[in-house]
Amino acid sequence: MRDVSAIPAIFGPLLRTLRVEAGLSQEQLAAQCGMDRSAISLLERQKNQPSLASLVLISEALGMTAAELIGRVEADIPQLPEGSE
């Protein structure tokens, strides 16, 4: 079983990296997604998790599918130690 509690710690830095690689500020990404800049900041700082709708909008703004973005996160989710499920 995977340690899904690690998702915010994986998603936040990944979002920041992808946003910077796309040459977008938090304001620009937020505008493309119809979100507030503070929402992007909270995601990047691992304070919030995106809704499914936000995930789709963010991935589109970054030029990828939601499946690709989720796949990037999923690849880094660690396994729980045996017997801790």
PDB file of N, CA and C in Angstrom:
ATOM      1  N   MET A   1       0.843  -1.176   0.000  1.00  0.00           N
ATOM      2  CA  MET A   1       0.000   0.000   0.000  1.00  0.00           C
ATOM      3  C   MET A   1       0.890   1.243   0.000  1.00  0.00           C
ATOM      4  N   ARG A   2       0.416   2.270  -0.672  1.00  0.00           N
ATOM      5  CA  ARG A   2       1.188   3.515  -0.772  1.00  0.00           C
ATOM      6  C   ARG A   2       0.875   4.474   0.377  1.00  0.00           C
ATOM      7  N   ASP A   3       1.835   5.294   0.736  1.00  0.00           N
ATOM      8  CA  ASP A   3       1.679   6.304   1.778  1.00  0.00           C
ATOM      9  C   ASP A   3       1.135   7.581   1.143  1.00  0.00           C
ATOM     10  N   VAL A   4      -0.182   7.628   0.968  1.00  0.00           N
ATOM     11  CA  VAL A   4      -0.799   8.770   0.287  1.00  0.00           C
ATOM     12  C   VAL A   4      -0.695  10.064   1.093  1.00  0.00           C
ATOM     13  N   SER A   5      -0.320   9.969   2.359  1.00  0.00           N
ATOM     14  CA  SER A   5      -0.128  11.197   3.137  1.00  0.00           C
ATOM     15  C   SER A   5       1.059  12.002   2.591  1.00  0.00           C
ATOM     16  N   ALA A   6       1.883  11.377   1.777  1.00  0.00           N
ATOM     17  CA  ALA A   6       3.040  12.056   1.188  1.00  0.00           C
ATOM     18  C   ALA A   6       2.675  12.886  -0.037  1.00  0.00           C
ATOM     19  N   ILE A   7       1.448  12.767  -0.513  1.00  0.00           N
ATOM     20  CA  ILE A   7       1.072  13.449  -1.760  1.00  0.00           C
ATOM     21  C   ILE A   7       1.290  14.962  -1.713  1.00  0.00           C
ATOM     22  N   PRO A   8       0.851  15.678  -0.672  1.00  0.00           N
ATOM     23  CA  PRO A   8       1.101  17.131  -0.685  1.00  0.00           C
ATOM     24  C   PRO A   8       2.587  17.477  -0.770  1.00  0.00           C
ATOM     25  N   ALA A   9       3.426  16.694  -0.090  1.00  0.00           N
ATOM     26  CA  ALA A   9       4.868  16.952  -0.113  1.00  0.00           C
ATOM     27  C   ALA A   9       5.471  16.664  -1.472  1.00  0.00           C
ATOM     28  N   ILE A  10       4.810  15.839  -2.261  1.00  0.00           N
ATOM     29  CA  ILE A  10       5.273  15.542  -3.617  1.00  0.00           C
ATOM     30  C   ILE A  10       4.681  16.547  -4.600  1.00  0.00           C
ATOM     31  N   PHE A  11       3.377  16.795  -4.482  1.00  0.00           N
ATOM     32  CA  PHE A  11       2.688  17.647  -5.443  1.00  0.00           C
ATOM     33  C   PHE A  11       3.173  19.096  -5.386  1.00  0.00           C
ATOM     34  N   GLY A  12       3.344  19.651  -4.189  1.00  0.00           N
ATOM     35  CA  GLY A  12       3.724  21.055  -4.051  1.00  0.00           C
ATOM     36  C   GLY A  12       5.013  21.405  -4.782  1.00  0.00           C
ATOM     37  N   PRO A  13       6.111  20.717  -4.465  1.00  0.00           N
ATOM     38  CA  PRO A  13       7.370  21.005  -5.167  1.00  0.00           C
ATOM     39  C   PRO A  13       7.300  20.709  -6.669  1.00  0.00           C
ATOM     40  N   LEU A  14       6.570  19.653  -7.037  1.00  0.00           N
ATOM     41  CA  LEU A  14       6.429  19.343  -8.460  1.00  0.00           C
ATOM     42  C   LEU A  14       5.692  20.464  -9.179  1.00  0.00           C
ATOM     43  N   LEU A  15       4.626  20.955  -8.586  1.00  0.00           N
ATOM     44  CA  LEU A  15       3.878  22.056  -9.198  1.00  0.00           C
ATOM     45  C   LEU A  15       4.778  23.270  -9.391  1.00  0.00           C
ATOM     46  N   ARG A  16       5.544  23.604  -8.381  1.00  0.00           N
ATOM     47  CA  ARG A  16       6.437  24.759  -8.487  1.00  0.00           C
ATOM     48  C   ARG A  16       7.445  24.550  -9.609  1.00  0.00           C
ATOM     49  N   THR A  17       8.047  23.374  -9.663  1.00  0.00           N
ATOM     50  CA  THR A  17       9.031  23.063 -10.704  1.00  0.00           C
ATOM     51  C   THR A  17       8.420  23.175 -12.094  1.00  0.00           C
ATOM     52  N   LEU A  18       7.256  22.567 -12.280  1.00  0.00           N
ATOM     53  CA  LEU A  18       6.600  22.605 -13.595  1.00  0.00           C
ATOM     54  C   LEU A  18       6.192  24.026 -13.977  1.00  0.00           C
ATOM     55  N   ARG A  19       5.720  24.799 -12.990  1.00  0.00           N
ATOM     56  CA  ARG A  19       5.318  26.184 -13.262  1.00  0.00           C
ATOM     57  C   ARG A  19       6.518  27.014 -13.695  1.00  0.00           C
ATOM     58  N   VAL A  20       7.622  26.877 -12.974  1.00  0.00           N
ATOM     59  CA  VAL A  20       8.837  27.636 -13.308  1.00  0.00           C
ATOM     60  C   VAL A  20       9.367  27.203 -14.675  1.00  0.00           C
ATOM     61  N   GLU A  21       9.364  25.884 -14.933  1.00  0.00           N
ATOM     62  CA  GLU A  21       9.820  25.393 -16.237  1.00  0.00           C
ATOM     63  C   GLU A  21       8.957  25.935 -17.379  1.00  0.00           C
ATOM     64  N   ALA A  22       7.674  26.147 -17.101  1.00  0.00           N
ATOM     65  CA  ALA A  22       6.764  26.698 -18.111  1.00  0.00           C
ATOM     66  C   ALA A  22       6.903  28.217 -18.236  1.00  0.00           C
ATOM     67  N   GLY A  23       7.727  28.811 -17.380  1.00  0.00           N
ATOM     68  CA  GLY A  23       7.949  30.254 -17.425  1.00  0.00           C
ATOM     69  C   GLY A  23       6.779  31.058 -16.911  1.00  0.00           C
ATOM     70  N   LEU A  24       6.020  30.474 -15.983  1.00  0.00           N
ATOM     71  CA  LEU A  24       4.835  31.140 -15.458  1.00  0.00           C
ATOM     72  C   LEU A  24       5.037  31.571 -14.015  1.00  0.00           C
ATOM     73  N   SER A  25       4.532  32.747 -13.688  1.00  0.00           N
ATOM     74  CA  SER A  25       4.480  33.167 -12.291  1.00  0.00           C
ATOM     75  C   SER A  25       3.262  32.513 -11.652  1.00  0.00           C
ATOM     76  N   GLN A  26       3.181  32.572 -10.348  1.00  0.00           N
ATOM     77  CA  GLN A  26       1.981  32.057  -9.683  1.00  0.00           C
ATOM     78  C   GLN A  26       0.741  32.791 -10.179  1.00  0.00           C
ATOM     79  N   GLU A  27       0.857  34.096 -10.380  1.00  0.00           N
ATOM     80  CA  GLU A  27      -0.262  34.900 -10.862  1.00  0.00           C
ATOM     81  C   GLU A  27      -0.714  34.450 -12.253  1.00  0.00           C
ATOM     82  N   GLN A  28       0.242  34.207 -13.125  1.00  0.00           N
ATOM     83  CA  GLN A  28      -0.087  33.794 -14.491  1.00  0.00           C
ATOM     84  C   GLN A  28      -0.749  32.414 -14.511  1.00  0.00           C
ATOM     85  N   LEU A  29      -0.201  31.479 -13.753  1.00  0.00           N
ATOM     86  CA  LEU A  29      -0.800  30.150 -13.694  1.00  0.00           C
ATOM     87  C   LEU A  29      -2.204  30.231 -13.120  1.00  0.00           C
ATOM     88  N   ALA A  30      -2.351  30.978 -12.051  1.00  0.00           N
ATOM     89  CA  ALA A  30      -3.664  31.126 -11.429  1.00  0.00           C
ATOM     90  C   ALA A  30      -4.673  31.721 -12.400  1.00  0.00           C
ATOM     91  N   ALA A  31      -4.268  32.729 -13.146  1.00  0.00           N
ATOM     92  CA  ALA A  31      -5.169  33.368 -14.111  1.00  0.00           C
ATOM     93  C   ALA A  31      -5.604  32.381 -15.188  1.00  0.00           C
ATOM     94  N   GLN A  32      -4.677  31.561 -15.661  1.00  0.00           N
ATOM     95  CA  GLN A  32      -5.012  30.574 -16.692  1.00  0.00           C
ATOM     96  C   GLN A  32      -5.970  29.513 -16.167  1.00  0.00           C
ATOM     97  N   CYS A  33      -5.950  29.291 -14.857  1.00  0.00           N
ATOM     98  CA  CYS A  33      -6.790  28.257 -14.245  1.00  0.00           C
ATOM     99  C   CYS A  33      -8.077  28.816 -13.652  1.00  0.00           C
ATOM    100  N   GLY A  34      -8.227  30.137 -13.672  1.00  0.00           N
ATOM    101  CA  GLY A  34      -9.388  30.746 -13.036  1.00  0.00           C
ATOM    102  C   GLY A  34      -9.335  30.642 -11.522  1.00  0.00           C
ATOM    103  N   MET A  35      -8.119  30.649 -11.001  1.00  0.00           N
ATOM    104  CA  MET A  35      -7.908  30.529  -9.558  1.00  0.00           C
ATOM    105  C   MET A  35      -7.256  31.802  -9.036  1.00  0.00           C
ATOM    106  N   ASP A  36      -7.170  31.901  -7.739  1.00  0.00           N
ATOM    107  CA  ASP A  36      -6.470  32.999  -7.088  1.00  0.00           C
ATOM    108  C   ASP A  36      -5.001  32.622  -6.909  1.00  0.00           C
ATOM    109  N   ARG A  37      -4.117  33.594  -6.966  1.00  0.00           N
ATOM    110  CA  ARG A  37      -2.694  33.329  -6.785  1.00  0.00           C
ATOM    111  C   ARG A  37      -2.426  32.641  -5.459  1.00  0.00           C
ATOM    112  N   SER A  38      -3.165  33.019  -4.432  1.00  0.00           N
ATOM    113  CA  SER A  38      -2.940  32.416  -3.121  1.00  0.00           C
ATOM    114  C   SER A  38      -3.247  30.920  -3.130  1.00  0.00           C
ATOM    115  N   ALA A  39      -4.171  30.489  -3.975  1.00  0.00           N
ATOM    116  CA  ALA A  39      -4.487  29.059  -4.073  1.00  0.00           C
ATOM    117  C   ALA A  39      -3.288  28.294  -4.628  1.00  0.00           C
ATOM    118  N   ILE A  40      -2.626  28.862  -5.618  1.00  0.00           N
ATOM    119  CA  ILE A  40      -1.423  28.233  -6.174  1.00  0.00           C
ATOM    120  C   ILE A  40      -0.323  28.203  -5.121  1.00  0.00           C
ATOM    121  N   SER A  41      -0.166  29.302  -4.417  1.00  0.00           N
ATOM    122  CA  SER A  41       0.837  29.376  -3.360  1.00  0.00           C
ATOM    123  C   SER A  41       0.591  28.316  -2.288  1.00  0.00           C
ATOM    124  N   LEU A  42      -0.647  28.158  -1.875  1.00  0.00           N
ATOM    125  CA  LEU A  42      -0.976  27.157  -0.857  1.00  0.00           C
ATOM    126  C   LEU A  42      -0.669  25.747  -1.344  1.00  0.00           C
ATOM    127  N   LEU A  43      -0.925  25.478  -2.614  1.00  0.00           N
ATOM    128  CA  LEU A  43      -0.601  24.167  -3.180  1.00  0.00           C
ATOM    129  C   LEU A  43       0.912  23.945  -3.184  1.00  0.00           C
ATOM    130  N   GLU A  44       1.641  24.942  -3.629  1.00  0.00           N
ATOM    131  CA  GLU A  44       3.096  24.813  -3.713  1.00  0.00           C
ATOM    132  C   GLU A  44       3.730  24.677  -2.339  1.00  0.00           C
ATOM    133  N   ARG A  45       3.135  25.319  -1.337  1.00  0.00           N
ATOM    134  CA  ARG A  45       3.680  25.252   0.024  1.00  0.00           C
ATOM    135  C   ARG A  45       3.125  24.062   0.810  1.00  0.00           C
ATOM    136  N   GLN A  46       2.417  23.182   0.123  1.00  0.00           N
ATOM    137  CA  GLN A  46       1.902  21.941   0.696  1.00  0.00           C
ATOM    138  C   GLN A  46       0.871  22.167   1.789  1.00  0.00           C
ATOM    139  N   LYS A  47       0.161  23.284   1.714  1.00  0.00           N
ATOM    140  CA  LYS A  47      -0.871  23.603   2.703  1.00  0.00           C
ATOM    141  C   LYS A  47      -2.246  23.115   2.263  1.00  0.00           C
ATOM    142  N   ASN A  48      -2.438  22.911   0.980  1.00  0.00           N
ATOM    143  CA  ASN A  48      -3.708  22.433   0.417  1.00  0.00           C
ATOM    144  C   ASN A  48      -3.425  21.364  -0.623  1.00  0.00           C
ATOM    145  N   GLN A  49      -4.472  20.607  -0.936  1.00  0.00           N
ATOM    146  CA  GLN A  49      -4.422  19.651  -2.034  1.00  0.00           C
ATOM    147  C   GLN A  49      -5.432  20.113  -3.079  1.00  0.00           C
ATOM    148  N   PRO A  50      -5.131  19.903  -4.357  1.00  0.00           N
ATOM    149  CA  PRO A  50      -6.048  20.390  -5.386  1.00  0.00           C
ATOM    150  C   PRO A  50      -7.298  19.519  -5.491  1.00  0.00           C
ATOM    151  N   SER A  51      -8.402  20.162  -5.846  1.00  0.00           N
ATOM    152  CA  SER A  51      -9.602  19.400  -6.189  1.00  0.00           C
ATOM    153  C   SER A  51      -9.347  18.756  -7.547  1.00  0.00           C
ATOM    154  N   LEU A  52     -10.189  17.836  -7.906  1.00  0.00           N
ATOM    155  CA  LEU A  52     -10.046  17.189  -9.211  1.00  0.00           C
ATOM    156  C   LEU A  52     -10.189  18.218 -10.328  1.00  0.00           C
ATOM    157  N   ALA A  53     -11.147  19.132 -10.185  1.00  0.00           N
ATOM    158  CA  ALA A  53     -11.339  20.171 -11.207  1.00  0.00           C
ATOM    159  C   ALA A  53     -10.096  21.055 -11.318  1.00  0.00           C
ATOM    160  N   SER A  54      -9.524  21.444 -10.186  1.00  0.00           N
ATOM    161  CA  SER A  54      -8.315  22.270 -10.204  1.00  0.00           C
ATOM    162  C   SER A  54      -7.148  21.524 -10.828  1.00  0.00           C
ATOM    163  N   LEU A  55      -7.047  20.243 -10.531  1.00  0.00           N
ATOM    164  CA  LEU A  55      -5.979  19.429 -11.091  1.00  0.00           C
ATOM    165  C   LEU A  55      -6.050  19.403 -12.611  1.00  0.00           C
ATOM    166  N   VAL A  56      -7.254  19.277 -13.150  1.00  0.00           N
ATOM    167  CA  VAL A  56      -7.437  19.274 -14.602  1.00  0.00           C
ATOM    168  C   VAL A  56      -7.035  20.633 -15.178  1.00  0.00           C
ATOM    169  N   LEU A  57      -7.483  21.710 -14.569  1.00  0.00           N
ATOM    170  CA  LEU A  57      -7.166  23.053 -15.069  1.00  0.00           C
ATOM    171  C   LEU A  57      -5.670  23.349 -14.976  1.00  0.00           C
ATOM    172  N   ILE A  58      -5.068  22.973 -13.871  1.00  0.00           N
ATOM    173  CA  ILE A  58      -3.626  23.196 -13.696  1.00  0.00           C
ATOM    174  C   ILE A  58      -2.833  22.414 -14.733  1.00  0.00           C
ATOM    175  N   SER A  59      -3.190  21.158 -14.912  1.00  0.00           N
ATOM    176  CA  SER A  59      -2.445  20.338 -15.877  1.00  0.00           C
ATOM    177  C   SER A  59      -2.566  20.909 -17.285  1.00  0.00           C
ATOM    178  N   GLU A  60      -3.762  21.355 -17.664  1.00  0.00           N
ATOM    179  CA  GLU A  60      -3.937  21.953 -18.992  1.00  0.00           C
ATOM    180  C   GLU A  60      -3.092  23.208 -19.149  1.00  0.00           C
ATOM    181  N   ALA A  61      -3.055  24.037 -18.115  1.00  0.00           N
ATOM    182  CA  ALA A  61      -2.254  25.263 -18.171  1.00  0.00           C
ATOM    183  C   ALA A  61      -0.765  24.954 -18.282  1.00  0.00           C
ATOM    184  N   LEU A  62      -0.360  23.795 -17.776  1.00  0.00           N
ATOM    185  CA  LEU A  62       1.042  23.390 -17.836  1.00  0.00           C
ATOM    186  C   LEU A  62       1.355  22.571 -19.083  1.00  0.00           C
ATOM    187  N   GLY A  63       0.356  22.388 -19.950  1.00  0.00           N
ATOM    188  CA  GLY A  63       0.579  21.697 -21.216  1.00  0.00           C
ATOM    189  C   GLY A  63       0.658  20.186 -21.107  1.00  0.00           C
ATOM    190  N   MET A  64      -0.049  19.633 -20.138  1.00  0.00           N
ATOM    191  CA  MET A  64      -0.070  18.183 -19.981  1.00  0.00           C
ATOM    192  C   MET A  64      -1.466  17.743 -19.601  1.00  0.00           C
ATOM    193  N   THR A  65      -1.681  16.451 -19.635  1.00  0.00           N
ATOM    194  CA  THR A  65      -2.973  15.938 -19.211  1.00  0.00           C
ATOM    195  C   THR A  65      -2.951  15.737 -17.697  1.00  0.00           C
ATOM    196  N   ALA A  66      -4.134  15.646 -17.133  1.00  0.00           N
ATOM    197  CA  ALA A  66      -4.233  15.370 -15.699  1.00  0.00           C
ATOM    198  C   ALA A  66      -3.589  14.019 -15.392  1.00  0.00           C
ATOM    199  N   ALA A  67      -3.764  13.058 -16.302  1.00  0.00           N
ATOM    200  CA  ALA A  67      -3.172  11.734 -16.104  1.00  0.00           C
ATOM    201  C   ALA A  67      -1.645  11.823 -16.041  1.00  0.00           C
ATOM    202  N   GLU A  68      -1.059  12.664 -16.885  1.00  0.00           N
ATOM    203  CA  GLU A  68       0.398  12.830 -16.861  1.00  0.00           C
ATOM    204  C   GLU A  68       0.853  13.447 -15.543  1.00  0.00           C
ATOM    205  N   LEU A  69       0.125  14.459 -15.092  1.00  0.00           N
ATOM    206  CA  LEU A  69       0.485  15.121 -13.840  1.00  0.00           C
ATOM    207  C   LEU A  69       0.335  14.157 -12.664  1.00  0.00           C
ATOM    208  N   ILE A  70      -0.769  13.441 -12.627  1.00  0.00           N
ATOM    209  CA  ILE A  70      -0.973  12.467 -11.559  1.00  0.00           C
ATOM    210  C   ILE A  70       0.093  11.378 -11.621  1.00  0.00           C
ATOM    211  N   GLY A  71       0.445  10.963 -12.817  1.00  0.00           N
ATOM    212  CA  GLY A  71       1.484   9.944 -12.978  1.00  0.00           C
ATOM    213  C   GLY A  71       2.818  10.389 -12.413  1.00  0.00           C
ATOM    214  N   ARG A  72       3.139  11.664 -12.595  1.00  0.00           N
ATOM    215  CA  ARG A  72       4.388  12.203 -12.040  1.00  0.00           C
ATOM    216  C   ARG A  72       4.365  12.144 -10.515  1.00  0.00           C
ATOM    217  N   VAL A  73       3.211  12.471  -9.947  1.00  0.00           N
ATOM    218  CA  VAL A  73       3.071  12.408  -8.485  1.00  0.00           C
ATOM    219  C   VAL A  73       3.105  10.951  -8.029  1.00  0.00           C
ATOM    220  N   GLU A  74       2.322  10.124  -8.690  1.00  0.00           N
ATOM    221  CA  GLU A  74       2.193   8.724  -8.295  1.00  0.00           C
ATOM    222  C   GLU A  74       3.538   8.002  -8.303  1.00  0.00           C
ATOM    223  N   ALA A  75       4.389   8.325  -9.238  1.00  0.00           N
ATOM    224  CA  ALA A  75       5.696   7.669  -9.346  1.00  0.00           C
ATOM    225  C   ALA A  75       6.550   7.878  -8.104  1.00  0.00           C
ATOM    226  N   ASP A  76       6.292   8.951  -7.364  1.00  0.00           N
ATOM    227  CA  ASP A  76       7.117   9.266  -6.194  1.00  0.00           C
ATOM    228  C   ASP A  76       6.461   8.941  -4.861  1.00  0.00           C
ATOM    229  N   ILE A  77       5.253   8.387  -4.869  1.00  0.00           N
ATOM    230  CA  ILE A  77       4.588   8.042  -3.607  1.00  0.00           C
ATOM    231  C   ILE A  77       5.263   6.796  -3.027  1.00  0.00           C
ATOM    232  N   PRO A  78       5.782   6.914  -1.825  1.00  0.00           N
ATOM    233  CA  PRO A  78       6.486   5.764  -1.251  1.00  0.00           C
ATOM    234  C   PRO A  78       5.513   4.685  -0.764  1.00  0.00           C
ATOM    235  N   GLN A  79       6.040   3.504  -0.665  1.00  0.00           N
ATOM    236  CA  GLN A  79       5.290   2.386  -0.092  1.00  0.00           C
ATOM    237  C   GLN A  79       5.325   2.504   1.432  1.00  0.00           C
ATOM    238  N   LEU A  80       4.226   2.106   2.062  1.00  0.00           N
ATOM    239  CA  LEU A  80       4.217   2.035   3.523  1.00  0.00           C
ATOM    240  C   LEU A  80       5.047   0.825   3.945  1.00  0.00           C
ATOM    241  N   PRO A  81       5.699   0.930   5.088  1.00  0.00           N
ATOM    242  CA  PRO A  81       6.436  -0.238   5.581  1.00  0.00           C
ATOM    243  C   PRO A  81       5.482  -1.419   5.781  1.00  0.00           C
ATOM    244  N   GLU A  82       5.965  -2.593   5.577  1.00  0.00           N
ATOM    245  CA  GLU A  82       5.169  -3.813   5.748  1.00  0.00           C
ATOM    246  C   GLU A  82       4.570  -3.848   7.148  1.00  0.00           C
ATOM    247  N   GLY A  83       3.277  -4.127   7.222  1.00  0.00           N
ATOM    248  CA  GLY A  83       2.573  -4.260   8.499  1.00  0.00           C
ATOM    249  C   GLY A  83       2.056  -2.963   9.077  1.00  0.00           C
ATOM    250  N   SER A  84       2.225  -1.826   8.370  1.00  0.00           N
ATOM    251  CA  SER A  84       1.736  -0.550   8.906  1.00  0.00           C
ATOM    252  C   SER A  84       0.447  -0.107   8.253  1.00  0.00           C
ATOM    253  N   GLU A  85      -0.203  -1.000   7.534  1.00  0.00           N
ATOM    254  CA  GLU A  85      -1.424  -0.651   6.807  1.00  0.00           C
ATOM    255  C   GLU A  85      -2.597  -0.579   7.688  1.00  0.00           C
TER     256      GLU A  85
END
